C-alpha atoms as a PDB file:
ATOM      1  CA  UNK A   1       0.000   0.000   0.000  1.00  0.00           C
ATOM      2  CA  UNK A   2       1.390   3.415  -0.939  1.00  0.00           C
ATOM      3  CA  UNK A   3       1.335   6.158   1.688  1.00  0.00           C
ATOM      4  CA  UNK A   4       1.753   9.922   1.494  1.00  0.00           C
ATOM      5  CA  UNK A   5       2.192  12.041   4.608  1.00  0.00           C
ATOM      6  CA  UNK A   6       2.385  15.813   5.051  1.00  0.00           C
ATOM      7  CA  UNK A   7       2.371  18.133   8.061  1.00  0.00           C
ATOM      8  CA  UNK A   8       1.427  21.772   8.540  1.00  0.00           C
ATOM      9  CA  UNK A   9       1.493  24.143  11.505  1.00  0.00           C
ATOM     10  CA  UNK A  10      -1.548  26.383  11.888  1.00  0.00           C
ATOM     11  CA  UNK A  11      -1.702  29.610  13.892  1.00  0.00           C
ATOM     12  CA  UNK A  12      -4.901  28.632  15.704  1.00  0.00           C
ATOM     13  CA  UNK A  13      -5.815  26.813  18.918  1.00  0.00           C
ATOM     14  CA  UNK A  14      -6.106  23.040  18.819  1.00  0.00           C
ATOM     15  CA  UNK A  15      -9.855  23.141  19.464  1.00  0.00           C
ATOM     16  CA  UNK A  16     -10.450  25.505  16.535  1.00  0.00           C
ATOM     17  CA  UNK A  17      -8.353  23.403  14.152  1.00  0.00           C
ATOM     18  CA  UNK A  18      -9.981  20.123  15.191  1.00  0.00           C
ATOM     19  CA  UNK A  19     -13.501  21.586  14.967  1.00  0.00           C
ATOM     20  CA  UNK A  20     -12.789  22.929  11.474  1.00  0.00           C
ATOM     21  CA  UNK A  21     -11.457  19.566  10.312  1.00  0.00           C
ATOM     22  CA  UNK A  22     -14.546  17.712  11.560  1.00  0.00           C
ATOM     23  CA  UNK A  23     -16.811  19.841   9.336  1.00  0.00           C
ATOM     24  CA  UNK A  24     -16.372  17.278   6.564  1.00  0.00           C
ATOM     25  CA  UNK A  25     -18.957  18.952   4.341  1.00  0.00           C
ATOM     26  CA  UNK A  26     -16.555  21.917   4.029  1.00  0.00           C
ATOM     27  CA  UNK A  27     -13.687  19.824   2.601  1.00  0.00           C
ATOM     28  CA  UNK A  28     -14.385  21.031  -0.978  1.00  0.00           C
ATOM     29  CA  UNK A  29     -13.362  24.536   0.174  1.00  0.00           C
ATOM     30  CA  UNK A  30      -9.745  23.469   0.590  1.00  0.00           C
ATOM     31  CA  UNK A  31      -9.285  19.948  -0.854  1.00  0.00           C
ATOM     32  CA  UNK A  32      -8.406  19.831  -4.527  1.00  0.00           C
ATOM     33  CA  UNK A  33     -10.693  17.578  -6.528  1.00  0.00           C
ATOM     34  CA  UNK A  34     -13.161  16.987  -3.701  1.00  0.00           C
ATOM     35  CA  UNK A  35     -16.573  17.979  -4.984  1.00  0.00           C
ATOM     36  CA  UNK A  36     -18.727  16.833  -2.100  1.00  0.00           C
ATOM     37  CA  UNK A  37     -18.563  15.061   1.248  1.00  0.00           C
ATOM     38  CA  UNK A  38     -21.888  14.120   2.801  1.00  0.00           C
ATOM     39  CA  UNK A  39     -22.291  12.669   6.274  1.00  0.00           C
ATOM     40  CA  UNK A  40     -24.894   9.909   6.526  1.00  0.00           C
ATOM     41  CA  UNK A  41     -24.403   9.375  10.282  1.00  0.00           C
ATOM     42  CA  UNK A  42     -21.726   9.897  12.953  1.00  0.00           C
ATOM     43  CA  UNK A  43     -19.214   7.534  11.340  1.00  0.00           C
ATOM     44  CA  UNK A  44     -20.122   7.282   7.630  1.00  0.00           C
ATOM     45  CA  UNK A  45     -19.265   9.707   4.822  1.00  0.00           C
ATOM     46  CA  UNK A  46     -19.983   9.697   1.077  1.00  0.00           C
ATOM     47  CA  UNK A  47     -17.225  11.303  -1.040  1.00  0.00           C
ATOM     48  CA  UNK A  48     -17.398  12.593  -4.626  1.00  0.00           C
ATOM     49  CA  UNK A  49     -13.931  13.246  -6.058  1.00  0.00           C
ATOM     50  CA  UNK A  50     -12.618  14.515  -9.411  1.00  0.00           C
ATOM     51  CA  UNK A  51     -15.982  14.096 -11.127  1.00  0.00           C
ATOM     52  CA  UNK A  52     -15.414  10.383 -11.637  1.00  0.00           C
ATOM     53  CA  UNK A  53     -14.886   8.682  -8.300  1.00  0.00           C
ATOM     54  CA  UNK A  54     -17.342   8.165  -5.482  1.00  0.00           C
ATOM     55  CA  UNK A  55     -16.777   6.104  -2.390  1.00  0.00           C
ATOM     56  CA  UNK A  56     -18.098   5.590   1.110  1.00  0.00           C
ATOM     57  CA  UNK A  57     -15.787   5.957   4.087  1.00  0.00           C
ATOM     58  CA  UNK A  58     -16.152   4.947   7.681  1.00  0.00           C
ATOM     59  CA  UNK A  59     -14.520   6.680  10.634  1.00  0.00           C
ATOM     60  CA  UNK A  60     -12.944   3.754  12.477  1.00  0.00           C
ATOM     61  CA  UNK A  61     -11.300   5.759  15.258  1.00  0.00           C
ATOM     62  CA  UNK A  62     -11.946   9.226  16.591  1.00  0.00           C
ATOM     63  CA  UNK A  63     -10.170  10.649  19.609  1.00  0.00           C
ATOM     64  CA  UNK A  64     -11.376  14.233  20.007  1.00  0.00           C
ATOM     65  CA  UNK A  65      -8.586  16.798  19.624  1.00  0.00           C
ATOM     66  CA  UNK A  66      -6.043  14.010  18.910  1.00  0.00           C
ATOM     67  CA  UNK A  67      -6.776  11.991  15.780  1.00  0.00           C
ATOM     68  CA  UNK A  68      -9.298  10.681  13.289  1.00  0.00           C
ATOM     69  CA  UNK A  69      -8.796   7.493  11.274  1.00  0.00           C
ATOM     70  CA  UNK A  70     -11.028   6.531   8.371  1.00  0.00           C
ATOM     71  CA  UNK A  71     -11.134   3.914   5.661  1.00  0.00           C
ATOM     72  CA  UNK A  72     -13.105   3.497   2.498  1.00  0.00           C
ATOM     73  CA  UNK A  73     -15.659   0.706   2.426  1.00  0.00           C
ATOM     74  CA  UNK A  74     -17.198  -1.388  -0.345  1.00  0.00           C
ATOM     75  CA  UNK A  75     -14.140  -2.136  -2.440  1.00  0.00           C
ATOM     76  CA  UNK A  76     -12.156   1.114  -2.369  1.00  0.00           C
ATOM     77  CA  UNK A  77      -8.708   0.846  -0.750  1.00  0.00           C
ATOM     78  CA  UNK A  78      -8.357   4.395   0.541  1.00  0.00           C
ATOM     79  CA  UNK A  79      -7.397   4.888   4.224  1.00  0.00           C
ATOM     80  CA  UNK A  80      -6.286   7.950   6.116  1.00  0.00           C
ATOM     81  CA  UNK A  81      -5.283   9.446   9.444  1.00  0.00           C
ATOM     82  CA  UNK A  82      -5.261  13.031  10.569  1.00  0.00           C
ATOM     83  CA  UNK A  83      -3.530  13.831  13.865  1.00  0.00           C
ATOM     84  CA  UNK A  84      -3.515  17.069  15.837  1.00  0.00           C
ATOM     85  CA  UNK A  85      -0.841  18.285  18.230  1.00  0.00           C
ATOM     86  CA  UNK A  86      -1.045  21.370  20.425  1.00  0.00           C
ATOM     87  CA  UNK A  87       2.145  23.410  20.025  1.00  0.00           C
ATOM     88  CA  UNK A  88       0.993  26.312  22.178  1.00  0.00           C
ATOM     89  CA  UNK A  89      -2.144  28.223  23.080  1.00  0.00           C
ATOM     90  CA  UNK A  90      -2.615  29.401  19.508  1.00  0.00           C
ATOM     91  CA  UNK A  91      -0.573  26.990  17.387  1.00  0.00           C
ATOM     92  CA  UNK A  92      -1.414  23.461  16.223  1.00  0.00           C
ATOM     93  CA  UNK A  93       0.390  20.869  14.117  1.00  0.00           C
ATOM     94  CA  UNK A  94      -1.750  18.834  11.709  1.00  0.00           C
ATOM     95  CA  UNK A  95      -0.361  15.616  10.235  1.00  0.00           C
ATOM     96  CA  UNK A  96      -2.289  14.017   7.382  1.00  0.00           C
ATOM     97  CA  UNK A  97      -1.462  10.529   6.102  1.00  0.00           C
ATOM     98  CA  UNK A  98      -3.248   8.939   3.147  1.00  0.00           C
ATOM     99  CA  UNK A  99      -2.798   5.316   2.129  1.00  0.00           C
ATOM    100  CA  UNK A 100      -4.065   3.829  -1.108  1.00  0.00           C
ATOM    101  CA  UNK A 101      -3.464   0.548  -2.878  1.00  0.00           C
ATOM    102  CA  UNK A 102      -1.835   1.279  -6.246  1.00  0.00           C
ATOM    103  CA  UNK A 103      -3.920  -0.288  -8.984  1.00  0.00           C
ATOM    104  CA  UNK A 104      -1.466  -0.012 -11.844  1.00  0.00           C
ATOM    105  CA  UNK A 105       1.774   1.441 -13.117  1.00  0.00           C
ATOM    106  CA  UNK A 106       0.422   5.006 -13.282  1.00  0.00           C
ATOM    107  CA  UNK A 107      -0.810   4.931  -9.697  1.00  0.00           C
ATOM    108  CA  UNK A 108       2.472   3.473  -8.456  1.00  0.00           C
ATOM    109  CA  UNK A 109       4.418   6.320 -10.063  1.00  0.00           C
ATOM    110  CA  UNK A 110       1.989   9.082  -9.086  1.00  0.00           C
ATOM    111  CA  UNK A 111       3.349   9.547  -5.544  1.00  0.00           C
ATOM    112  CA  UNK A 112       4.805  12.979  -6.282  1.00  0.00           C
ATOM    113  CA  UNK A 113       1.463  14.129  -7.699  1.00  0.00           C
ATOM    114  CA  UNK A 114      -0.396  12.907  -4.600  1.00  0.00           C
ATOM    115  CA  UNK A 115       2.167  14.521  -2.284  1.00  0.00           C
ATOM    116  CA  UNK A 116       1.771  17.892  -4.062  1.00  0.00           C
ATOM    117  CA  UNK A 117      -2.007  17.641  -3.861  1.00  0.00           C
ATOM    118  CA  UNK A 118      -1.885  16.771  -0.159  1.00  0.00           C
ATOM    119  CA  UNK A 119       0.576  19.606   0.522  1.00  0.00           C
ATOM    120  CA  UNK A 120      -1.738  22.020  -1.300  1.00  0.00           C
ATOM    121  CA  UNK A 121      -4.773  20.808   0.643  1.00  0.00           C
ATOM    122  CA  UNK A 122      -3.032  21.375   3.981  1.00  0.00           C
ATOM    123  CA  UNK A 123      -1.724  24.786   2.918  1.00  0.00           C
ATOM    124  CA  UNK A 124      -5.242  25.871   1.861  1.00  0.00           C
ATOM    125  CA  UNK A 125      -6.659  24.550   5.162  1.00  0.00           C
ATOM    126  CA  UNK A 126      -4.050  26.587   7.060  1.00  0.00           C
ATOM    127  CA  UNK A 127      -4.770  29.724   5.015  1.00  0.00           C
ATOM    128  CA  UNK A 128      -8.529  29.319   5.468  1.00  0.00           C
ATOM    129  CA  UNK A 129      -8.268  29.007   9.259  1.00  0.00           C
ATOM    130  CA  UNK A 130      -5.690  31.732   9.753  1.00  0.00           C
ATOM    131  CA  UNK A 131      -7.635  34.174   7.537  1.00  0.00           C
ATOM    132  CA  UNK A 132     -10.811  33.506   9.542  1.00  0.00           C
ATOM    133  CA  UNK A 133      -8.979  34.409  12.769  1.00  0.00           C
ATOM    134  CA  UNK A 134      -7.726  37.823  11.580  1.00  0.00           C
ATOM    135  CA  UNK A 135      -9.734  40.822  12.834  1.00  0.00           C
END
């Protein structure tokens, strides 16, 4: 299984960062290619990505203000973890790790593309939160 991991530090309190991340329906605002995320209950999400891929995901672990782990269900191989670390009263580290089973040669060589996309997603998340905190 291929894995991509990126980290970002956000100038915002841990509680603010965690609360923003758990508003899954707002992921299209900062995640490239994500068109829609709909919550069906407390642990199940329906994703629409890049206009051609839809999958259901289940939150398999959620420790408030620490980490969230999810995995795709019904055939998709996607799995991810987001972890939060308080660095101070108004600073938080976010680590995002995505794992996916490469289906073919293109997917196996696309790691740099996925890393850039993940880096961009985290940078947009950071910008969105920090801009919302400015007076």
